[in-house]
Amino acid sequence: MTRREQGTAYGALWVLAVAFGWIEASVVAYLREIHAAELSLQGPSDLPGLQVTLLSLPGHLVSLEMAREVCTVVLLVAVSWLAGRRPADRAGAFLLSFGVWDLAYYGVLRLLVGWPDSLSAWDILFLIPLPWVAPVWAPITVAALLILAGSYLFWTSERERHYRWVDIGALAVSVLMTIAAFLFGSRTVMDHRVPERFPAWLFWAGVVLGTAWFLRVEGRAARQTGARKRWLGVRVRTTMPEQRTDTMQGAVTPAREVPGAHVRVDPDPVIREYTETRRRLDRLVEDARELGERLERLGHGLFGHPARMIVGPPDPFIEDQNEWDIVPSHPLPSIDRLVALTNDIRGMSARVEELRERLILMGRADIVEQPDGFFH
């Protein structure tokens, strides 16, 4: 997808997660209000610090709450799948939406009922497979890290990543350590008592291990991607430097030897043509990238119908021509259009290369290494 589409999807994930966090907080507020009278009739409770003592509910309602938690995760997974095109941006979308949802939940709950009154307040996080219980600062910390990691994965989804078994193992261990810290006081809560302590050492060990290993893997992927994308570009100077070195003087002199030129060429028209040609090349490449995305989406959409054609003349298996692409009323281009686009890119690239060489010979360009993008 294009950067604009990616930005739209990113913003939509935030909107959905905040809205769903509000819904989640509203449900908790309802439960708290409905069962407040029942809990008061049962006498003093040893769990005054917990927002909702779900374990005091009848068994079938606890099962219903567990099913609701599963549905919440399924919903976030489905939305994340629709928001992305690659495994990386889908994983990033899930981490992002989960983190925003969790933070929005606590923020709205504070707004509605004035809880949590402090970051050290205890809360029941999940019920599967046992109650997860921790001070509020712990899930908030995890949610913030999920937002950062998810945003990074979402915006760098085109980067090739290779997670080795040792990477998967280290990240899995960090997740299990963090979950173990949340489950540490589950038995105490099931006995209707407030946990006396939270194993912060275990929690932070899992968080630090996971964060450090994630940075290690992503740093390795960034270095590998940068090494593959290095090429030579040019940096165009609009004015000649005041002090010329011998090297630069030699670069200017051959300007008379440009093929077809018998007098010194005015560099300004060449610079303007180079800039315009480069922009046209970038637009052509962007068009090709968008077509590639559409072909990729079409491949996914027609996976169950291998007899259907992707491009070319109408196919008897496709009654509606709009079914060629998942975007209504935007049929795919013909083979001739794809060939013409390829030829245009080749021709424009050759022209950019020619103008670049002329600018270098005229002393109006420096050869520089460009790790990202095309020519600058």
Protein backbone atom coordinates (compact mmCIF):
# COMPACT_ATOMS: atom_id res chain seq x y z
CA MET A 1 0.00 0.00 0.00
CA THR A 2 1.06 3.60 -0.51
CA ARG A 3 2.24 5.81 2.35
CA ARG A 4 -1.05 7.67 2.25
CA GLU A 5 -3.06 4.47 2.53
CA GLN A 6 -0.74 3.28 5.27
CA GLY A 7 -1.28 6.51 7.21
CA THR A 8 -5.04 6.19 6.84
CA ALA A 9 -4.96 2.61 8.13
CA TYR A 10 -2.72 3.65 11.03
CA GLY A 11 -5.10 6.42 12.06
CA ALA A 12 -8.10 4.10 11.73
CA LEU A 13 -6.44 1.61 14.07
CA TRP A 14 -6.07 4.32 16.70
CA VAL A 15 -9.70 5.38 16.34
CA LEU A 16 -11.00 1.82 16.59
CA ALA A 17 -8.78 0.93 19.56
CA VAL A 18 -9.78 4.04 21.50
CA ALA A 19 -13.47 3.42 20.77
CA PHE A 20 -13.19 -0.21 21.80
CA GLY A 21 -11.34 0.79 24.97
CA TRP A 22 -14.30 3.01 25.80
CA ILE A 23 -16.68 0.09 25.26
CA GLU A 24 -14.54 -2.13 27.49
CA ALA A 25 -14.47 0.48 30.25
CA SER A 26 -18.24 0.92 29.99
CA VAL A 27 -18.77 -2.81 30.46
CA VAL A 28 -16.60 -2.79 33.58
CA ALA A 29 -18.49 0.23 34.92
CA TYR A 30 -21.78 -1.61 34.39
CA LEU A 31 -20.51 -4.73 36.16
CA ARG A 32 -19.19 -2.67 39.03
CA GLU A 33 -22.51 -0.87 39.48
CA ILE A 34 -24.69 -3.96 39.08
CA HIS A 35 -22.79 -6.10 41.57
CA ALA A 36 -21.96 -3.40 44.11
CA ALA A 37 -25.22 -4.01 45.97
CA GLU A 38 -24.77 -7.79 45.88
CA LEU A 39 -21.24 -7.56 47.24
CA SER A 40 -22.37 -5.25 50.04
CA LEU A 41 -25.01 -7.79 51.08
CA GLN A 42 -22.34 -10.49 51.35
CA GLY A 43 -20.54 -8.55 54.07
CA PRO A 44 -17.08 -6.97 54.16
CA SER A 45 -14.79 -8.02 51.32
CA ASP A 46 -11.06 -8.58 51.42
CA LEU A 47 -10.78 -7.24 47.87
CA PRO A 48 -11.63 -3.52 48.17
CA GLY A 49 -8.71 -2.54 45.97
CA LEU A 50 -9.78 -4.55 42.93
CA GLN A 51 -11.94 -2.74 40.42
CA VAL A 52 -14.29 -5.67 39.73
CA THR A 53 -14.23 -8.95 41.61
CA LEU A 54 -15.38 -11.10 38.74
CA LEU A 55 -14.67 -14.23 40.71
CA SER A 56 -17.62 -13.39 42.93
CA LEU A 57 -19.92 -13.80 39.95
CA PRO A 58 -21.78 -17.05 39.30
CA GLY A 59 -19.80 -19.64 37.39
CA HIS A 60 -21.74 -19.25 34.15
CA LEU A 61 -21.13 -15.50 34.16
CA VAL A 62 -17.41 -16.01 34.70
CA SER A 63 -17.43 -18.32 31.68
CA LEU A 64 -19.29 -15.66 29.74
CA GLU A 65 -16.67 -13.09 30.70
CA MET A 66 -13.89 -15.42 29.56
CA ALA A 67 -15.64 -15.87 26.21
CA ARG A 68 -15.90 -12.09 25.89
CA GLU A 69 -12.15 -11.78 26.44
CA VAL A 70 -11.50 -14.30 23.67
CA CYS A 71 -13.83 -12.42 21.33
CA THR A 72 -11.99 -9.18 22.11
CA VAL A 73 -8.67 -10.69 21.03
CA VAL A 74 -10.27 -12.23 17.93
CA LEU A 75 -11.71 -8.85 16.95
CA LEU A 76 -8.32 -7.15 17.28
CA VAL A 77 -6.67 -9.91 15.24
CA ALA A 78 -9.28 -9.60 12.48
CA VAL A 79 -8.95 -5.81 12.31
CA SER A 80 -5.17 -6.08 12.22
CA TRP A 81 -5.34 -8.58 9.38
CA LEU A 82 -7.50 -6.22 7.34
CA ALA A 83 -5.28 -3.22 8.10
CA GLY A 84 -2.10 -4.79 6.72
CA ARG A 85 -0.77 -6.50 3.62
CA ARG A 86 2.34 -8.20 4.99
CA PRO A 87 3.06 -10.23 8.13
CA ALA A 88 5.04 -7.36 9.64
CA ASP A 89 2.38 -4.66 9.33
CA ARG A 90 -0.34 -7.07 10.45
CA ALA A 91 1.66 -8.00 13.54
CA GLY A 92 2.40 -4.33 14.12
CA ALA A 93 -1.28 -3.44 13.73
CA PHE A 94 -2.23 -6.02 16.36
CA LEU A 95 0.38 -4.85 18.87
CA LEU A 96 -0.59 -1.23 18.27
CA SER A 97 -4.34 -1.76 18.59
CA PHE A 98 -3.92 -3.95 21.68
CA GLY A 99 -1.75 -1.35 23.41
CA VAL A 100 -4.00 1.60 22.52
CA TRP A 101 -7.07 -0.36 23.58
CA ASP A 102 -5.53 -1.12 26.97
CA LEU A 103 -4.44 2.47 27.63
CA ALA A 104 -7.81 3.82 26.48
CA TYR A 105 -9.52 1.35 28.81
CA TYR A 106 -7.74 2.68 31.89
CA GLY A 107 -8.10 6.30 30.79
CA VAL A 108 -11.85 6.05 30.20
CA LEU A 109 -12.34 4.06 33.41
CA ARG A 110 -10.60 6.82 35.32
CA LEU A 111 -12.88 9.34 33.64
CA LEU A 112 -16.10 7.40 34.32
CA VAL A 113 -15.66 6.04 37.85
CA GLY A 114 -12.48 7.68 39.12
CA TRP A 115 -10.50 4.45 39.09
CA PRO A 116 -7.63 3.63 39.17
CA ASP A 117 -6.89 6.13 41.90
CA SER A 118 -3.15 5.39 41.64
CA LEU A 119 -0.73 3.40 39.50
CA SER A 120 -0.22 0.97 42.39
CA ALA A 121 -3.91 -0.04 42.45
CA TRP A 122 -4.46 -3.75 41.84
CA ASP A 123 -6.46 -4.93 38.86
CA ILE A 124 -7.61 -8.22 37.37
CA LEU A 125 -6.38 -8.17 33.77
CA PHE A 126 -7.58 -11.45 32.24
CA LEU A 127 -9.19 -14.67 33.43
CA ILE A 128 -7.64 -17.11 30.92
CA PRO A 129 -6.42 -19.64 31.97
CA LEU A 130 -6.20 -18.22 35.52
CA PRO A 131 -6.76 -14.68 36.76
CA TRP A 132 -4.01 -12.27 35.76
CA VAL A 133 -3.52 -9.73 38.54
CA ALA A 134 -1.02 -6.89 38.85
CA PRO A 135 -0.66 -3.25 39.85
CA VAL A 136 -1.97 -0.95 37.14
CA TRP A 137 1.51 0.34 36.28
CA ALA A 138 2.51 -3.11 34.93
CA PRO A 139 -0.11 -3.45 32.15
CA ILE A 140 0.32 0.25 31.31
CA THR A 141 4.05 -0.33 30.82
CA VAL A 142 3.39 -3.31 28.56
CA ALA A 143 0.77 -1.37 26.58
CA ALA A 144 3.15 1.53 25.96
CA LEU A 145 5.86 -0.84 24.70
CA LEU A 146 3.34 -2.60 22.45
CA ILE A 147 2.36 0.74 20.89
CA LEU A 148 6.00 1.61 20.17
CA ALA A 149 6.87 -1.82 18.76
CA GLY A 150 3.64 -2.06 16.78
CA SER A 151 4.07 1.38 15.23
CA TYR A 152 7.64 0.54 14.23
CA LEU A 153 6.65 -2.76 12.61
CA PHE A 154 3.70 -1.16 10.84
CA TRP A 155 5.75 1.66 9.29
CA THR A 156 8.69 -0.56 8.31
CA SER A 157 6.69 -3.51 6.98
CA GLU A 158 8.52 -3.51 3.64
CA ARG A 159 11.77 -4.40 5.39
CA GLU A 160 12.84 -8.04 5.09
CA ARG A 161 13.03 -9.74 8.46
CA HIS A 162 14.49 -13.13 9.30
CA TYR A 163 13.63 -14.31 12.80
CA ARG A 164 15.82 -17.25 13.71
CA TRP A 165 14.81 -19.96 16.13
CA VAL A 166 16.95 -18.41 18.85
CA ASP A 167 15.16 -15.08 18.30
CA ILE A 168 11.73 -16.70 18.53
CA GLY A 169 12.83 -18.61 21.63
CA ALA A 170 14.16 -15.51 23.39
CA LEU A 171 11.02 -13.50 22.66
CA ALA A 172 8.81 -16.40 23.76
CA VAL A 173 10.72 -16.70 27.05
CA SER A 174 10.31 -12.97 27.68
CA VAL A 175 6.55 -13.21 27.09
CA LEU A 176 6.23 -16.23 29.38
CA MET A 177 8.20 -14.47 32.12
CA THR A 178 5.90 -11.45 31.93
CA ILE A 179 2.77 -13.62 31.98
CA ALA A 180 4.17 -15.62 34.90
CA ALA A 181 4.51 -12.38 36.85
CA PHE A 182 0.84 -11.61 36.16
CA LEU A 183 -0.23 -15.12 37.24
CA PHE A 184 1.85 -15.01 40.43
CA GLY A 185 -1.06 -13.81 42.59
CA SER A 186 -3.88 -15.68 40.85
CA ARG A 187 -4.41 -18.19 43.65
CA THR A 188 -4.59 -15.40 46.20
CA VAL A 189 -7.29 -13.63 44.20
CA MET A 190 -9.25 -16.87 43.78
CA ASP A 191 -9.26 -17.10 47.59
CA HIS A 192 -10.80 -13.59 47.64
CA ARG A 193 -7.70 -11.92 49.05
CA VAL A 194 -5.57 -9.05 47.77
CA PRO A 195 -2.04 -10.17 46.79
CA GLU A 196 0.59 -8.96 49.20
CA ARG A 197 3.26 -8.40 46.59
CA PHE A 198 3.95 -8.42 42.87
CA PRO A 199 7.11 -10.11 41.49
CA ALA A 200 8.46 -6.96 39.88
CA TRP A 201 11.86 -8.59 39.32
CA LEU A 202 10.28 -11.29 37.15
CA PHE A 203 8.15 -8.76 35.29
CA TRP A 204 11.06 -6.43 34.51
CA ALA A 205 13.30 -9.33 33.56
CA GLY A 206 10.78 -10.40 30.93
CA VAL A 207 10.22 -6.85 29.69
CA VAL A 208 13.93 -6.04 29.43
CA LEU A 209 14.73 -9.34 27.70
CA GLY A 210 11.93 -8.93 25.16
CA THR A 211 12.71 -5.28 24.45
CA ALA A 212 16.45 -5.86 24.10
CA TRP A 213 16.01 -8.86 21.82
CA PHE A 214 13.44 -7.06 19.68
CA LEU A 215 15.85 -4.15 19.21
CA ARG A 216 18.62 -6.61 18.39
CA VAL A 217 16.62 -8.37 15.68
CA GLU A 218 15.26 -5.16 14.16
CA GLY A 219 18.68 -3.54 14.19
CA ARG A 220 20.09 -6.51 12.30
CA ALA A 221 17.25 -6.31 9.77
CA ALA A 222 17.82 -2.57 9.31
CA ARG A 223 21.53 -3.05 8.65
CA GLN A 224 20.89 -5.82 6.13
CA THR A 225 18.25 -3.77 4.33
CA GLY A 226 20.51 -0.73 4.22
CA ALA A 227 23.35 -2.78 2.78
CA ARG A 228 21.13 -4.12 0.00
CA LYS A 229 19.73 -0.70 -0.92
CA ARG A 230 23.00 1.20 -1.28
CA TRP A 231 23.64 2.73 -4.67
CA LEU A 232 25.24 5.81 -6.15
CA GLY A 233 23.18 8.91 -6.63
CA VAL A 234 24.06 12.52 -7.15
CA ARG A 235 23.76 15.69 -5.15
CA VAL A 236 23.21 18.62 -7.50
CA ARG A 237 24.76 21.99 -6.68
CA THR A 238 22.82 25.01 -7.90
CA THR A 239 25.91 27.24 -7.68
CA MET A 240 29.57 26.56 -8.23
CA PRO A 241 31.77 26.47 -5.11
CA GLU A 242 33.86 29.55 -4.50
CA GLN A 243 37.10 27.60 -4.01
CA ARG A 244 37.87 24.91 -6.54
CA THR A 245 40.19 22.08 -5.81
CA ASP A 246 42.29 20.39 -8.47
CA THR A 247 39.83 17.51 -8.55
CA MET A 248 36.89 19.83 -9.06
CA GLN A 249 38.75 21.84 -11.72
CA GLY A 250 39.36 18.61 -13.61
CA ALA A 251 35.69 17.81 -13.37
CA VAL A 252 34.73 21.13 -14.89
CA THR A 253 37.20 21.07 -17.78
CA PRO A 254 35.77 17.99 -19.52
CA ALA A 255 32.45 19.81 -19.84
CA ARG A 256 33.65 20.85 -23.33
CA GLU A 257 33.98 17.20 -24.19
CA VAL A 258 30.33 16.32 -23.64
CA PRO A 259 29.20 14.50 -26.80
CA GLY A 260 27.63 16.93 -29.19
CA ALA A 261 28.82 20.00 -27.27
CA HIS A 262 31.51 22.29 -28.75
CA VAL A 263 31.04 25.15 -26.31
CA ARG A 264 30.55 25.28 -22.58
CA VAL A 265 27.00 24.22 -21.78
CA ASP A 266 24.81 26.36 -19.54
CA PRO A 267 24.21 24.08 -16.53
CA ASP A 268 20.87 25.58 -15.43
CA PRO A 269 18.74 23.94 -18.16
CA VAL A 270 20.45 20.61 -17.47
CA ILE A 271 19.75 20.93 -13.75
CA ARG A 272 16.10 21.74 -14.43
CA GLU A 273 15.73 18.85 -16.85
CA TYR A 274 17.43 16.50 -14.40
CA THR A 275 15.11 17.55 -11.57
CA GLU A 276 11.97 17.21 -13.69
CA THR A 277 13.07 13.86 -15.16
CA ARG A 278 13.83 12.54 -11.70
CA ARG A 279 10.36 13.54 -10.49
CA ARG A 280 8.74 11.87 -13.49
CA LEU A 281 10.74 8.71 -12.81
CA ASP A 282 9.62 8.72 -9.18
CA ARG A 283 5.99 9.06 -10.28
CA LEU A 284 6.34 6.17 -12.72
CA VAL A 285 7.90 3.98 -10.04
CA GLU A 286 5.08 4.90 -7.65
CA ASP A 287 2.52 3.93 -10.31
CA ALA A 288 4.29 0.60 -10.78
CA ARG A 289 4.33 0.03 -7.03
CA GLU A 290 0.59 0.69 -6.78
CA LEU A 291 -0.08 -1.74 -9.63
CA GLY A 292 2.02 -4.32 -7.83
CA GLU A 293 -0.05 -3.84 -4.68
CA ARG A 294 -3.26 -4.29 -6.67
CA LEU A 295 -1.95 -7.45 -8.31
CA GLU A 296 -0.97 -8.77 -4.89
CA ARG A 297 -4.43 -8.04 -3.49
CA LEU A 298 -6.02 -9.63 -6.53
CA GLY A 299 -3.91 -12.74 -6.04
CA HIS A 300 -5.21 -13.03 -2.49
CA GLY A 301 -8.79 -12.35 -3.54
CA LEU A 302 -8.80 -14.98 -6.31
CA PHE A 303 -6.81 -17.60 -4.42
CA GLY A 304 -9.81 -19.90 -4.31
CA HIS A 305 -10.53 -19.43 -8.01
CA PRO A 306 -7.37 -20.43 -9.91
CA ALA A 307 -9.25 -20.63 -13.20
CA ARG A 308 -9.86 -16.89 -13.21
CA MET A 309 -7.64 -14.65 -15.24
CA ILE A 310 -5.76 -11.70 -13.81
CA VAL A 311 -5.28 -9.59 -16.90
CA GLY A 312 -6.13 -9.87 -20.55
CA PRO A 313 -9.40 -10.28 -22.43
CA PRO A 314 -12.67 -11.02 -20.61
CA ASP A 315 -12.81 -14.47 -19.12
CA PRO A 316 -15.98 -16.61 -19.05
CA PHE A 317 -15.42 -17.31 -15.35
CA ILE A 318 -15.79 -13.60 -14.56
CA GLU A 319 -19.25 -12.23 -15.25
CA ASP A 320 -18.52 -8.78 -13.86
CA GLN A 321 -15.38 -7.10 -15.15
CA ASN A 322 -15.05 -5.22 -11.87
CA GLU A 323 -14.26 -8.55 -10.19
CA TRP A 324 -10.82 -8.41 -11.78
CA ASP A 325 -9.75 -6.27 -8.82
CA ILE A 326 -11.06 -6.04 -5.26
CA VAL A 327 -11.41 -2.26 -5.72
CA PRO A 328 -14.82 -1.67 -7.39
CA SER A 329 -14.87 0.14 -10.72
CA HIS A 330 -11.06 0.04 -10.98
CA PRO A 331 -10.28 -2.75 -13.49
CA LEU A 332 -6.69 -3.82 -13.90
CA PRO A 333 -4.68 -2.41 -16.81
CA SER A 334 -3.99 -4.39 -19.93
CA ILE A 335 -0.75 -6.18 -20.71
CA ASP A 336 0.09 -3.39 -23.17
CA ARG A 337 -0.20 -0.83 -20.37
CA LEU A 338 2.12 -2.84 -18.12
CA VAL A 339 4.67 -3.21 -20.92
CA ALA A 340 4.48 0.50 -21.73
CA LEU A 341 4.98 1.40 -18.07
CA THR A 342 8.03 -0.84 -17.88
CA ASN A 343 9.51 0.71 -21.01
CA ASP A 344 8.82 4.22 -19.70
CA ILE A 345 10.66 3.45 -16.48
CA ARG A 346 13.63 2.05 -18.39
CA GLY A 347 13.78 5.04 -20.71
CA MET A 348 13.42 7.54 -17.89
CA SER A 349 16.09 5.76 -15.85
CA ALA A 350 18.49 5.93 -18.80
CA ARG A 351 17.78 9.64 -19.24
CA VAL A 352 18.37 10.31 -15.52
CA GLU A 353 21.68 8.44 -15.76
CA GLU A 354 22.72 10.46 -18.81
CA LEU A 355 21.88 13.78 -17.16
CA ARG A 356 23.64 12.71 -14.00
CA GLU A 357 26.85 12.02 -15.93
CA ARG A 358 26.62 15.39 -17.66
CA LEU A 359 26.21 17.19 -14.34
CA ILE A 360 29.20 15.36 -12.89
CA LEU A 361 31.34 16.32 -15.89
CA MET A 362 30.20 19.91 -15.59
CA GLY A 363 31.20 20.01 -11.94
CA ARG A 364 27.63 20.58 -10.81
CA ALA A 365 27.09 17.24 -9.08
CA ASP A 366 28.83 15.12 -6.47
CA ILE A 367 28.70 11.34 -6.38
CA VAL A 368 27.12 10.37 -3.06
CA GLU A 369 25.84 7.16 -1.52
CA GLN A 370 22.10 7.12 -1.07
CA PRO A 371 20.82 4.38 1.29
CA ASP A 372 17.17 5.31 0.72
CA GLY A 373 15.06 6.53 -2.17
CA PHE A 374 16.18 7.26 -5.71
CA PHE A 375 18.39 10.13 -6.84
CA HIS A 376 18.75 13.25 -4.70
